[in-house]
Amino acid sequence: MSAPTSSRGAAARWGLNLYAAIGLLYLFVPIAWIVLFSFNEPKGRYNIVWQRFTLENWSDPFSNAALTNAFSQSLKIAAISTAIATLLGSMIAVALSRYSFKGSSGINLFLVLPLTTPEIVLGSSLATLFLDWDVTRGFTTVVIAHIMFQVSFVALTVRARVRGFDWTLEQAAQDLGASPMRTFWKVTFPLILPGILAAALLSFALSIDDFIITLFTAGSLSTFPLYINGSFRVQFPPQANVLATIILLASVSLLLIGVIRSTRRGVVGTS
């Protein structure tokens, strides 16, 4: 009886591993395709057919002025909106986890609402609001729109980190004579900082990647996703693949740095 049971278990593990490999292949093939075609020398206006390997695209990735401007606009929007959303979302997360007050359940509902609302609904609603208030759509309106959905991601991510926080550490610090502000910066903030950084990276990636909400609130402004979408009508320069690869490499580098630091911190803690 043990042999058939063990063979079925081995077959199930192999099947699960195969299923996971297929899923990962499905996820990473498009990413690998973008990286590969950043080294392609296209013929014509579209970089969709492999011709031959070249490094010319990487020698001057900012040669396309319109693409470079759209890319820089996306970086500026992501940086500003992420900074504001991280500050607001972190304060909301700490307040909801640290204190009990009337209306906290309603705030939780409002935090989840932007995540469950379809982007086309949120984008069209914001566009209608800006048009009704006679607000010129552009850089500022896009930043406001991005902050609206980023705050929810930051608050929920940081709250998951704060939820397991031992609040008696604050009491111990204050018993030793530390002020509430000093207790926060010396005890609370360092312990919840990994969650804040993770939330900031997530919101930054969501801001650069956002298309639908940006489309409704950008007006004449061109961001990186909007430029990529519009470029398919006339041309698709290989520099778009190069800039996308640069973003990918930067994201992976930050992820590896975080993993290495966490691993070293764990080794130091165990030793």
C-alpha atoms as a PDB file:
ATOM      1  CA  MET A   1       0.000   0.000   0.000  1.00  0.00           C
ATOM      2  CA  SER A   2       2.881   2.382   0.678  1.00  0.00           C
ATOM      3  CA  ALA A   3       4.421   2.131  -2.805  1.00  0.00           C
ATOM      4  CA  PRO A   4       1.299   3.275  -4.735  1.00  0.00           C
ATOM      5  CA  THR A   5       0.752   6.029  -2.192  1.00  0.00           C
ATOM      6  CA  SER A   6       4.316   7.306  -2.513  1.00  0.00           C
ATOM      7  CA  SER A   7       4.170   7.125  -6.311  1.00  0.00           C
ATOM      8  CA  ARG A   8       0.953   9.140  -6.339  1.00  0.00           C
ATOM      9  CA  GLY A   9       2.567  11.700  -4.043  1.00  0.00           C
ATOM     10  CA  ALA A  10       5.600  11.979  -6.318  1.00  0.00           C
ATOM     11  CA  ALA A  11       3.349  12.356  -9.367  1.00  0.00           C
ATOM     12  CA  ALA A  12       1.359  15.074  -7.596  1.00  0.00           C
ATOM     13  CA  ARG A  13       4.543  16.961  -6.734  1.00  0.00           C
ATOM     14  CA  TRP A  14       5.797  16.709 -10.301  1.00  0.00           C
ATOM     15  CA  GLY A  15       2.434  17.906 -11.589  1.00  0.00           C
ATOM     16  CA  LEU A  16       2.435  20.835  -9.184  1.00  0.00           C
ATOM     17  CA  ASN A  17       5.994  21.788 -10.129  1.00  0.00           C
ATOM     18  CA  LEU A  18       5.114  21.578 -13.828  1.00  0.00           C
ATOM     19  CA  TYR A  19       2.043  23.739 -13.295  1.00  0.00           C
ATOM     20  CA  ALA A  20       4.133  26.321 -11.404  1.00  0.00           C
ATOM     21  CA  ALA A  21       6.797  26.298 -14.154  1.00  0.00           C
ATOM     22  CA  ILE A  22       4.160  26.910 -16.833  1.00  0.00           C
ATOM     23  CA  GLY A  23       2.705  29.755 -14.770  1.00  0.00           C
ATOM     24  CA  LEU A  24       6.111  31.387 -14.310  1.00  0.00           C
ATOM     25  CA  LEU A  25       6.872  30.942 -18.017  1.00  0.00           C
ATOM     26  CA  TYR A  26       3.579  32.648 -18.861  1.00  0.00           C
ATOM     27  CA  LEU A  27       4.507  35.572 -16.607  1.00  0.00           C
ATOM     28  CA  PHE A  28       8.139  36.054 -17.614  1.00  0.00           C
ATOM     29  CA  VAL A  29       8.088  35.450 -21.384  1.00  0.00           C
ATOM     30  CA  PRO A  30       6.652  38.932 -22.184  1.00  0.00           C
ATOM     31  CA  ILE A  31       9.251  40.528 -19.899  1.00  0.00           C
ATOM     32  CA  ALA A  32      12.063  38.581 -21.549  1.00  0.00           C
ATOM     33  CA  TRP A  33      10.653  39.581 -24.944  1.00  0.00           C
ATOM     34  CA  ILE A  34      10.931  43.282 -24.063  1.00  0.00           C
ATOM     35  CA  VAL A  35      14.527  42.863 -22.902  1.00  0.00           C
ATOM     36  CA  LEU A  36      15.445  40.859 -25.998  1.00  0.00           C
ATOM     37  CA  PHE A  37      14.035  43.391 -28.445  1.00  0.00           C
ATOM     38  CA  SER A  38      15.926  46.206 -26.748  1.00  0.00           C
ATOM     39  CA  PHE A  39      18.944  44.689 -28.543  1.00  0.00           C
ATOM     40  CA  ASN A  40      17.202  44.442 -31.909  1.00  0.00           C
ATOM     41  CA  GLU A  41      17.997  46.609 -34.925  1.00  0.00           C
ATOM     42  CA  PRO A  42      14.584  47.120 -36.512  1.00  0.00           C
ATOM     43  CA  LYS A  43      13.807  47.912 -40.105  1.00  0.00           C
ATOM     44  CA  GLY A  44      11.101  50.509 -40.529  1.00  0.00           C
ATOM     45  CA  ARG A  45       9.107  52.174 -37.784  1.00  0.00           C
ATOM     46  CA  TYR A  46       8.135  49.151 -35.700  1.00  0.00           C
ATOM     47  CA  ASN A  47      10.366  47.083 -33.468  1.00  0.00           C
ATOM     48  CA  ILE A  48       8.267  43.912 -33.584  1.00  0.00           C
ATOM     49  CA  VAL A  49      10.254  41.630 -35.921  1.00  0.00           C
ATOM     50  CA  TRP A  50      13.719  40.382 -34.983  1.00  0.00           C
ATOM     51  CA  GLN A  51      16.386  41.453 -37.444  1.00  0.00           C
ATOM     52  CA  ARG A  52      19.822  41.261 -35.859  1.00  0.00           C
ATOM     53  CA  PHE A  53      21.617  41.923 -32.570  1.00  0.00           C
ATOM     54  CA  THR A  54      22.906  45.438 -31.891  1.00  0.00           C
ATOM     55  CA  LEU A  55      24.014  47.633 -29.009  1.00  0.00           C
ATOM     56  CA  GLU A  56      23.206  50.913 -30.743  1.00  0.00           C
ATOM     57  CA  ASN A  57      19.886  51.230 -28.923  1.00  0.00           C
ATOM     58  CA  TRP A  58      21.683  51.166 -25.586  1.00  0.00           C
ATOM     59  CA  SER A  59      24.400  53.594 -26.679  1.00  0.00           C
ATOM     60  CA  ASP A  60      21.875  56.460 -26.617  1.00  0.00           C
ATOM     61  CA  PRO A  61      18.603  55.358 -24.970  1.00  0.00           C
ATOM     62  CA  PHE A  62      17.380  58.982 -24.774  1.00  0.00           C
ATOM     63  CA  SER A  63      17.772  59.795 -28.452  1.00  0.00           C
ATOM     64  CA  ASN A  64      14.000  59.969 -28.985  1.00  0.00           C
ATOM     65  CA  ALA A  65      13.057  63.352 -27.519  1.00  0.00           C
ATOM     66  CA  ALA A  66       9.303  62.708 -27.256  1.00  0.00           C
ATOM     67  CA  LEU A  67       9.812  59.335 -25.608  1.00  0.00           C
ATOM     68  CA  THR A  68      12.394  60.756 -23.202  1.00  0.00           C
ATOM     69  CA  ASN A  69      10.058  63.602 -22.221  1.00  0.00           C
ATOM     70  CA  ALA A  70       7.206  61.154 -21.574  1.00  0.00           C
ATOM     71  CA  PHE A  71       9.523  58.957 -19.534  1.00  0.00           C
ATOM     72  CA  SER A  72      10.731  61.875 -17.408  1.00  0.00           C
ATOM     73  CA  GLN A  73       7.148  63.020 -16.827  1.00  0.00           C
ATOM     74  CA  SER A  74       6.239  59.554 -15.554  1.00  0.00           C
ATOM     75  CA  LEU A  75       9.213  59.544 -13.199  1.00  0.00           C
ATOM     76  CA  LYS A  76       8.341  62.984 -11.824  1.00  0.00           C
ATOM     77  CA  ILE A  77       4.694  62.070 -11.323  1.00  0.00           C
ATOM     78  CA  ALA A  78       5.600  58.779  -9.660  1.00  0.00           C
ATOM     79  CA  ALA A  79       8.160  60.417  -7.363  1.00  0.00           C
ATOM     80  CA  ILE A  80       5.849  63.215  -6.175  1.00  0.00           C
ATOM     81  CA  SER A  81       2.714  61.098  -5.818  1.00  0.00           C
ATOM     82  CA  THR A  82       4.597  58.286  -4.081  1.00  0.00           C
ATOM     83  CA  ALA A  83       6.158  60.664  -1.545  1.00  0.00           C
ATOM     84  CA  ILE A  84       2.802  62.220  -0.646  1.00  0.00           C
ATOM     85  CA  ALA A  85       0.881  58.933  -0.699  1.00  0.00           C
ATOM     86  CA  THR A  86       3.507  57.190   1.443  1.00  0.00           C
ATOM     87  CA  LEU A  87       3.326  59.936   4.067  1.00  0.00           C
ATOM     88  CA  LEU A  88      -0.477  60.016   4.172  1.00  0.00           C
ATOM     89  CA  GLY A  89      -0.944  56.252   3.926  1.00  0.00           C
ATOM     90  CA  SER A  90       1.606  55.518   6.640  1.00  0.00           C
ATOM     91  CA  MET A  91      -0.033  57.954   9.047  1.00  0.00           C
ATOM     92  CA  ILE A  92      -3.451  56.440   8.325  1.00  0.00           C
ATOM     93  CA  ALA A  93      -2.115  52.914   8.894  1.00  0.00           C
ATOM     94  CA  VAL A  94      -0.486  53.818  12.222  1.00  0.00           C
ATOM     95  CA  ALA A  95      -3.590  55.672  13.414  1.00  0.00           C
ATOM     96  CA  LEU A  96      -5.942  52.800  12.547  1.00  0.00           C
ATOM     97  CA  SER A  97      -3.669  50.210  14.177  1.00  0.00           C
ATOM     98  CA  ARG A  98      -2.664  52.237  17.223  1.00  0.00           C
ATOM     99  CA  TYR A  99      -5.959  53.840  18.247  1.00  0.00           C
ATOM    100  CA  SER A 100      -9.614  52.848  18.478  1.00  0.00           C
ATOM    101  CA  PHE A 101     -12.069  55.603  17.622  1.00  0.00           C
ATOM    102  CA  LYS A 102     -15.499  56.094  16.137  1.00  0.00           C
ATOM    103  CA  GLY A 103     -15.553  55.958  12.367  1.00  0.00           C
ATOM    104  CA  SER A 104     -12.542  53.661  11.991  1.00  0.00           C
ATOM    105  CA  SER A 105     -14.679  51.032  10.239  1.00  0.00           C
ATOM    106  CA  GLY A 106     -15.839  53.655   7.750  1.00  0.00           C
ATOM    107  CA  ILE A 107     -12.237  54.649   7.054  1.00  0.00           C
ATOM    108  CA  ASN A 108     -11.408  50.997   6.386  1.00  0.00           C
ATOM    109  CA  LEU A 109     -14.233  50.906   3.865  1.00  0.00           C
ATOM    110  CA  PHE A 110     -12.986  54.031   2.109  1.00  0.00           C
ATOM    111  CA  LEU A 111      -9.468  52.558   1.956  1.00  0.00           C
ATOM    112  CA  VAL A 112     -10.662  49.419   0.183  1.00  0.00           C
ATOM    113  CA  LEU A 113     -13.076  51.262  -2.114  1.00  0.00           C
ATOM    114  CA  PRO A 114     -10.454  52.642  -4.570  1.00  0.00           C
ATOM    115  CA  LEU A 115      -8.954  49.156  -4.881  1.00  0.00           C
ATOM    116  CA  THR A 116     -12.273  47.539  -5.760  1.00  0.00           C
ATOM    117  CA  THR A 117     -13.505  50.307  -8.051  1.00  0.00           C
ATOM    118  CA  PRO A 118     -12.715  49.693 -11.747  1.00  0.00           C
ATOM    119  CA  GLU A 119     -10.066  52.088 -12.999  1.00  0.00           C
ATOM    120  CA  ILE A 120     -12.253  53.269 -15.865  1.00  0.00           C
ATOM    121  CA  VAL A 121     -14.924  54.312 -13.349  1.00  0.00           C
ATOM    122  CA  LEU A 122     -12.419  56.120 -11.147  1.00  0.00           C
ATOM    123  CA  GLY A 123     -10.727  57.778 -14.115  1.00  0.00           C
ATOM    124  CA  SER A 124     -13.952  58.964 -15.741  1.00  0.00           C
ATOM    125  CA  SER A 125     -15.228  60.236 -12.380  1.00  0.00           C
ATOM    126  CA  LEU A 126     -12.067  62.263 -11.827  1.00  0.00           C
ATOM    127  CA  ALA A 127     -12.205  63.618 -15.376  1.00  0.00           C
ATOM    128  CA  THR A 128     -15.818  64.709 -14.841  1.00  0.00           C
ATOM    129  CA  LEU A 129     -14.884  66.340 -11.533  1.00  0.00           C
ATOM    130  CA  PHE A 130     -12.010  68.291 -13.073  1.00  0.00           C
ATOM    131  CA  LEU A 131     -14.134  69.379 -16.026  1.00  0.00           C
ATOM    132  CA  ASP A 132     -17.005  70.505 -13.767  1.00  0.00           C
ATOM    133  CA  TRP A 133     -14.596  72.538 -11.656  1.00  0.00           C
ATOM    134  CA  ASP A 134     -12.982  73.969 -14.801  1.00  0.00           C
ATOM    135  CA  VAL A 135      -9.586  72.571 -13.818  1.00  0.00           C
ATOM    136  CA  THR A 136      -7.081  72.269 -16.645  1.00  0.00           C
ATOM    137  CA  ARG A 137      -5.998  68.643 -16.869  1.00  0.00           C
ATOM    138  CA  GLY A 138      -2.278  68.043 -16.903  1.00  0.00           C
ATOM    139  CA  PHE A 139       0.611  67.270 -14.583  1.00  0.00           C
ATOM    140  CA  THR A 140      -1.131  68.371 -11.364  1.00  0.00           C
ATOM    141  CA  THR A 141      -4.365  66.482 -12.029  1.00  0.00           C
ATOM    142  CA  VAL A 142      -2.445  63.295 -12.810  1.00  0.00           C
ATOM    143  CA  VAL A 143      -0.509  63.599  -9.545  1.00  0.00           C
ATOM    144  CA  ILE A 144      -3.769  64.091  -7.616  1.00  0.00           C
ATOM    145  CA  ALA A 145      -5.335  61.080  -9.331  1.00  0.00           C
ATOM    146  CA  HIS A 146      -2.347  58.847  -8.613  1.00  0.00           C
ATOM    147  CA  ILE A 147      -2.259  59.871  -4.959  1.00  0.00           C
ATOM    148  CA  MET A 148      -5.897  58.840  -4.618  1.00  0.00           C
ATOM    149  CA  PHE A 149      -5.311  55.188  -5.422  1.00  0.00           C
ATOM    150  CA  GLN A 150      -1.762  55.023  -4.049  1.00  0.00           C
ATOM    151  CA  VAL A 151      -2.860  56.010  -0.532  1.00  0.00           C
ATOM    152  CA  SER A 152      -4.992  52.867  -0.287  1.00  0.00           C
ATOM    153  CA  PHE A 153      -2.144  50.566  -1.306  1.00  0.00           C
ATOM    154  CA  VAL A 154       0.270  52.251   1.096  1.00  0.00           C
ATOM    155  CA  ALA A 155      -2.141  52.251   4.030  1.00  0.00           C
ATOM    156  CA  LEU A 156      -3.062  48.591   3.658  1.00  0.00           C
ATOM    157  CA  THR A 157       0.550  47.490   3.132  1.00  0.00           C
ATOM    158  CA  VAL A 158       1.893  49.440   6.106  1.00  0.00           C
ATOM    159  CA  ARG A 159      -1.025  48.355   8.262  1.00  0.00           C
ATOM    160  CA  ALA A 160      -0.172  44.715   7.607  1.00  0.00           C
ATOM    161  CA  ARG A 161       3.300  45.473   8.983  1.00  0.00           C
ATOM    162  CA  VAL A 162       2.036  47.499  11.953  1.00  0.00           C
ATOM    163  CA  ARG A 163      -0.583  44.917  12.879  1.00  0.00           C
ATOM    164  CA  GLY A 164       2.039  42.659  14.466  1.00  0.00           C
ATOM    165  CA  PHE A 165       3.834  45.506  16.205  1.00  0.00           C
ATOM    166  CA  ASP A 166       4.452  45.155  19.936  1.00  0.00           C
ATOM    167  CA  TRP A 167       3.164  48.439  21.353  1.00  0.00           C
ATOM    168  CA  THR A 168       4.669  47.664  24.761  1.00  0.00           C
ATOM    169  CA  LEU A 169       8.016  48.684  23.254  1.00  0.00           C
ATOM    170  CA  GLU A 170       6.725  52.250  23.111  1.00  0.00           C
ATOM    171  CA  GLN A 171       5.648  52.069  26.740  1.00  0.00           C
ATOM    172  CA  ALA A 172       9.072  50.754  27.728  1.00  0.00           C
ATOM    173  CA  ALA A 173      10.811  53.606  25.907  1.00  0.00           C
ATOM    174  CA  GLN A 174       8.592  56.208  27.562  1.00  0.00           C
ATOM    175  CA  ASP A 175       9.133  54.609  30.974  1.00  0.00           C
ATOM    176  CA  LEU A 176      12.847  55.154  30.394  1.00  0.00           C
ATOM    177  CA  GLY A 177      12.247  58.864  29.845  1.00  0.00           C
ATOM    178  CA  ALA A 178      11.814  59.147  26.074  1.00  0.00           C
ATOM    179  CA  SER A 179       9.288  61.665  24.777  1.00  0.00           C
ATOM    180  CA  PRO A 180       6.455  60.470  22.503  1.00  0.00           C
ATOM    181  CA  MET A 181       8.171  61.989  19.451  1.00  0.00           C
ATOM    182  CA  ARG A 182      11.542  60.467  20.314  1.00  0.00           C
ATOM    183  CA  THR A 183       9.844  57.119  20.972  1.00  0.00           C
ATOM    184  CA  PHE A 184       8.287  57.184  17.526  1.00  0.00           C
ATOM    185  CA  TRP A 185      11.508  58.030  15.662  1.00  0.00           C
ATOM    186  CA  LYS A 186      13.792  55.754  17.682  1.00  0.00           C
ATOM    187  CA  VAL A 187      11.501  52.750  18.280  1.00  0.00           C
ATOM    188  CA  THR A 188       8.341  52.696  16.178  1.00  0.00           C
ATOM    189  CA  PHE A 189       9.590  54.111  12.892  1.00  0.00           C
ATOM    190  CA  PRO A 190      12.645  51.818  12.459  1.00  0.00           C
ATOM    191  CA  LEU A 191      10.490  48.751  13.070  1.00  0.00           C
ATOM    192  CA  ILE A 192       7.786  49.689  10.570  1.00  0.00           C
ATOM    193  CA  LEU A 193      10.243  51.135   8.020  1.00  0.00           C
ATOM    194  CA  PRO A 194      10.463  47.903   5.933  1.00  0.00           C
ATOM    195  CA  GLY A 195       6.700  47.992   5.445  1.00  0.00           C
ATOM    196  CA  ILE A 196       6.823  51.667   4.488  1.00  0.00           C
ATOM    197  CA  LEU A 197       9.584  51.054   1.936  1.00  0.00           C
ATOM    198  CA  ALA A 198       7.708  48.096   0.460  1.00  0.00           C
ATOM    199  CA  ALA A 199       4.560  50.210   0.172  1.00  0.00           C
ATOM    200  CA  ALA A 200       6.506  53.060  -1.441  1.00  0.00           C
ATOM    201  CA  LEU A 201       8.060  50.755  -4.044  1.00  0.00           C
ATOM    202  CA  LEU A 202       4.662  49.222  -4.818  1.00  0.00           C
ATOM    203  CA  SER A 203       2.965  52.590  -5.219  1.00  0.00           C
ATOM    204  CA  PHE A 204       5.850  53.906  -7.353  1.00  0.00           C
ATOM    205  CA  ALA A 205       5.533  50.929  -9.700  1.00  0.00           C
ATOM    206  CA  LEU A 206       1.754  51.351  -9.886  1.00  0.00           C
ATOM    207  CA  SER A 207       2.139  55.027 -10.737  1.00  0.00           C
ATOM    208  CA  ILE A 208       4.582  54.447 -13.591  1.00  0.00           C
ATOM    209  CA  ASP A 209       2.450  51.578 -14.906  1.00  0.00           C
ATOM    210  CA  ASP A 210      -0.935  53.311 -14.694  1.00  0.00           C
ATOM    211  CA  PHE A 211      -2.640  53.968 -18.017  1.00  0.00           C
ATOM    212  CA  ILE A 212      -6.433  54.176 -17.674  1.00  0.00           C
ATOM    213  CA  ILE A 213      -6.681  56.748 -14.869  1.00  0.00           C
ATOM    214  CA  THR A 214      -3.850  58.754 -16.413  1.00  0.00           C
ATOM    215  CA  LEU A 215      -5.606  58.730 -19.783  1.00  0.00           C
ATOM    216  CA  PHE A 216      -8.676  60.433 -18.306  1.00  0.00           C
ATOM    217  CA  THR A 217      -6.774  63.018 -16.253  1.00  0.00           C
ATOM    218  CA  ALA A 218      -3.690  63.827 -18.356  1.00  0.00           C
ATOM    219  CA  GLY A 219      -5.213  66.179 -20.903  1.00  0.00           C
ATOM    220  CA  SER A 220      -2.418  67.014 -23.352  1.00  0.00           C
ATOM    221  CA  LEU A 221       0.271  65.585 -21.055  1.00  0.00           C
ATOM    222  CA  SER A 222       2.106  62.521 -22.365  1.00  0.00           C
ATOM    223  CA  THR A 223       3.418  59.936 -19.927  1.00  0.00           C
ATOM    224  CA  PHE A 224       5.412  56.796 -20.664  1.00  0.00           C
ATOM    225  CA  PRO A 225       2.392  54.417 -20.852  1.00  0.00           C
ATOM    226  CA  LEU A 226       0.396  56.938 -22.905  1.00  0.00           C
ATOM    227  CA  TYR A 227       3.284  57.390 -25.325  1.00  0.00           C
ATOM    228  CA  ILE A 228       3.720  53.627 -25.720  1.00  0.00           C
ATOM    229  CA  ASN A 229       0.021  53.242 -26.495  1.00  0.00           C
ATOM    230  CA  GLY A 230      -0.007  56.083 -28.996  1.00  0.00           C
ATOM    231  CA  SER A 231       3.252  55.138 -30.671  1.00  0.00           C
ATOM    232  CA  PHE A 232       1.796  51.919 -32.087  1.00  0.00           C
ATOM    233  CA  ARG A 233      -0.233  54.037 -34.506  1.00  0.00           C
ATOM    234  CA  VAL A 234       2.806  55.586 -36.192  1.00  0.00           C
ATOM    235  CA  GLN A 235       5.999  53.929 -34.892  1.00  0.00           C
ATOM    236  CA  PHE A 236       7.449  51.927 -32.028  1.00  0.00           C
ATOM    237  CA  PRO A 237      11.090  52.916 -31.431  1.00  0.00           C
ATOM    238  CA  PRO A 238      13.495  50.398 -29.874  1.00  0.00           C
ATOM    239  CA  GLN A 239      14.364  52.985 -27.211  1.00  0.00           C
ATOM    240  CA  ALA A 240      10.997  52.207 -25.629  1.00  0.00           C
ATOM    241  CA  ASN A 241      12.222  48.671 -24.947  1.00  0.00           C
ATOM    242  CA  VAL A 242      15.482  50.068 -23.593  1.00  0.00           C
ATOM    243  CA  LEU A 243      13.752  52.391 -21.108  1.00  0.00           C
ATOM    244  CA  ALA A 244      11.378  49.613 -20.067  1.00  0.00           C
ATOM    245  CA  THR A 245      14.381  47.356 -19.472  1.00  0.00           C
ATOM    246  CA  ILE A 246      16.047  50.075 -17.395  1.00  0.00           C
ATOM    247  CA  ILE A 247      12.946  50.299 -15.196  1.00  0.00           C
ATOM    248  CA  LEU A 248      12.952  46.514 -14.860  1.00  0.00           C
ATOM    249  CA  LEU A 249      16.634  46.413 -13.891  1.00  0.00           C
ATOM    250  CA  ALA A 250      16.150  49.187 -11.337  1.00  0.00           C
ATOM    251  CA  SER A 251      13.194  47.364  -9.778  1.00  0.00           C
ATOM    252  CA  VAL A 252      15.053  44.054  -9.605  1.00  0.00           C
ATOM    253  CA  SER A 253      18.102  45.780  -8.122  1.00  0.00           C
ATOM    254  CA  LEU A 254      16.044  47.389  -5.360  1.00  0.00           C
ATOM    255  CA  LEU A 255      14.388  44.039  -4.675  1.00  0.00           C
ATOM    256  CA  LEU A 256      17.736  42.270  -4.424  1.00  0.00           C
ATOM    257  CA  ILE A 257      19.090  44.974  -2.112  1.00  0.00           C
ATOM    258  CA  GLY A 258      16.094  44.519   0.161  1.00  0.00           C
ATOM    259  CA  VAL A 259      16.481  40.740   0.206  1.00  0.00           C
ATOM    260  CA  ILE A 260      20.215  40.966   0.926  1.00  0.00           C
ATOM    261  CA  ARG A 261      19.691  43.437   3.756  1.00  0.00           C
ATOM    262  CA  SER A 262      16.941  41.286   5.265  1.00  0.00           C
ATOM    263  CA  THR A 263      19.155  38.202   5.019  1.00  0.00           C
ATOM    264  CA  ARG A 264      22.088  39.978   6.683  1.00  0.00           C
ATOM    265  CA  ARG A 265      19.817  41.334   9.410  1.00  0.00           C
ATOM    266  CA  GLY A 266      18.521  37.815  10.045  1.00  0.00           C
ATOM    267  CA  VAL A 267      22.054  36.401  10.191  1.00  0.00           C
ATOM    268  CA  VAL A 268      23.122  39.096  12.650  1.00  0.00           C
ATOM    269  CA  GLY A 269      20.023  38.502  14.754  1.00  0.00           C
ATOM    270  CA  THR A 270      20.613  34.758  14.991  1.00  0.00           C
ATOM    271  CA  SER A 271      24.280  35.158  15.793  1.00  0.00           C
END
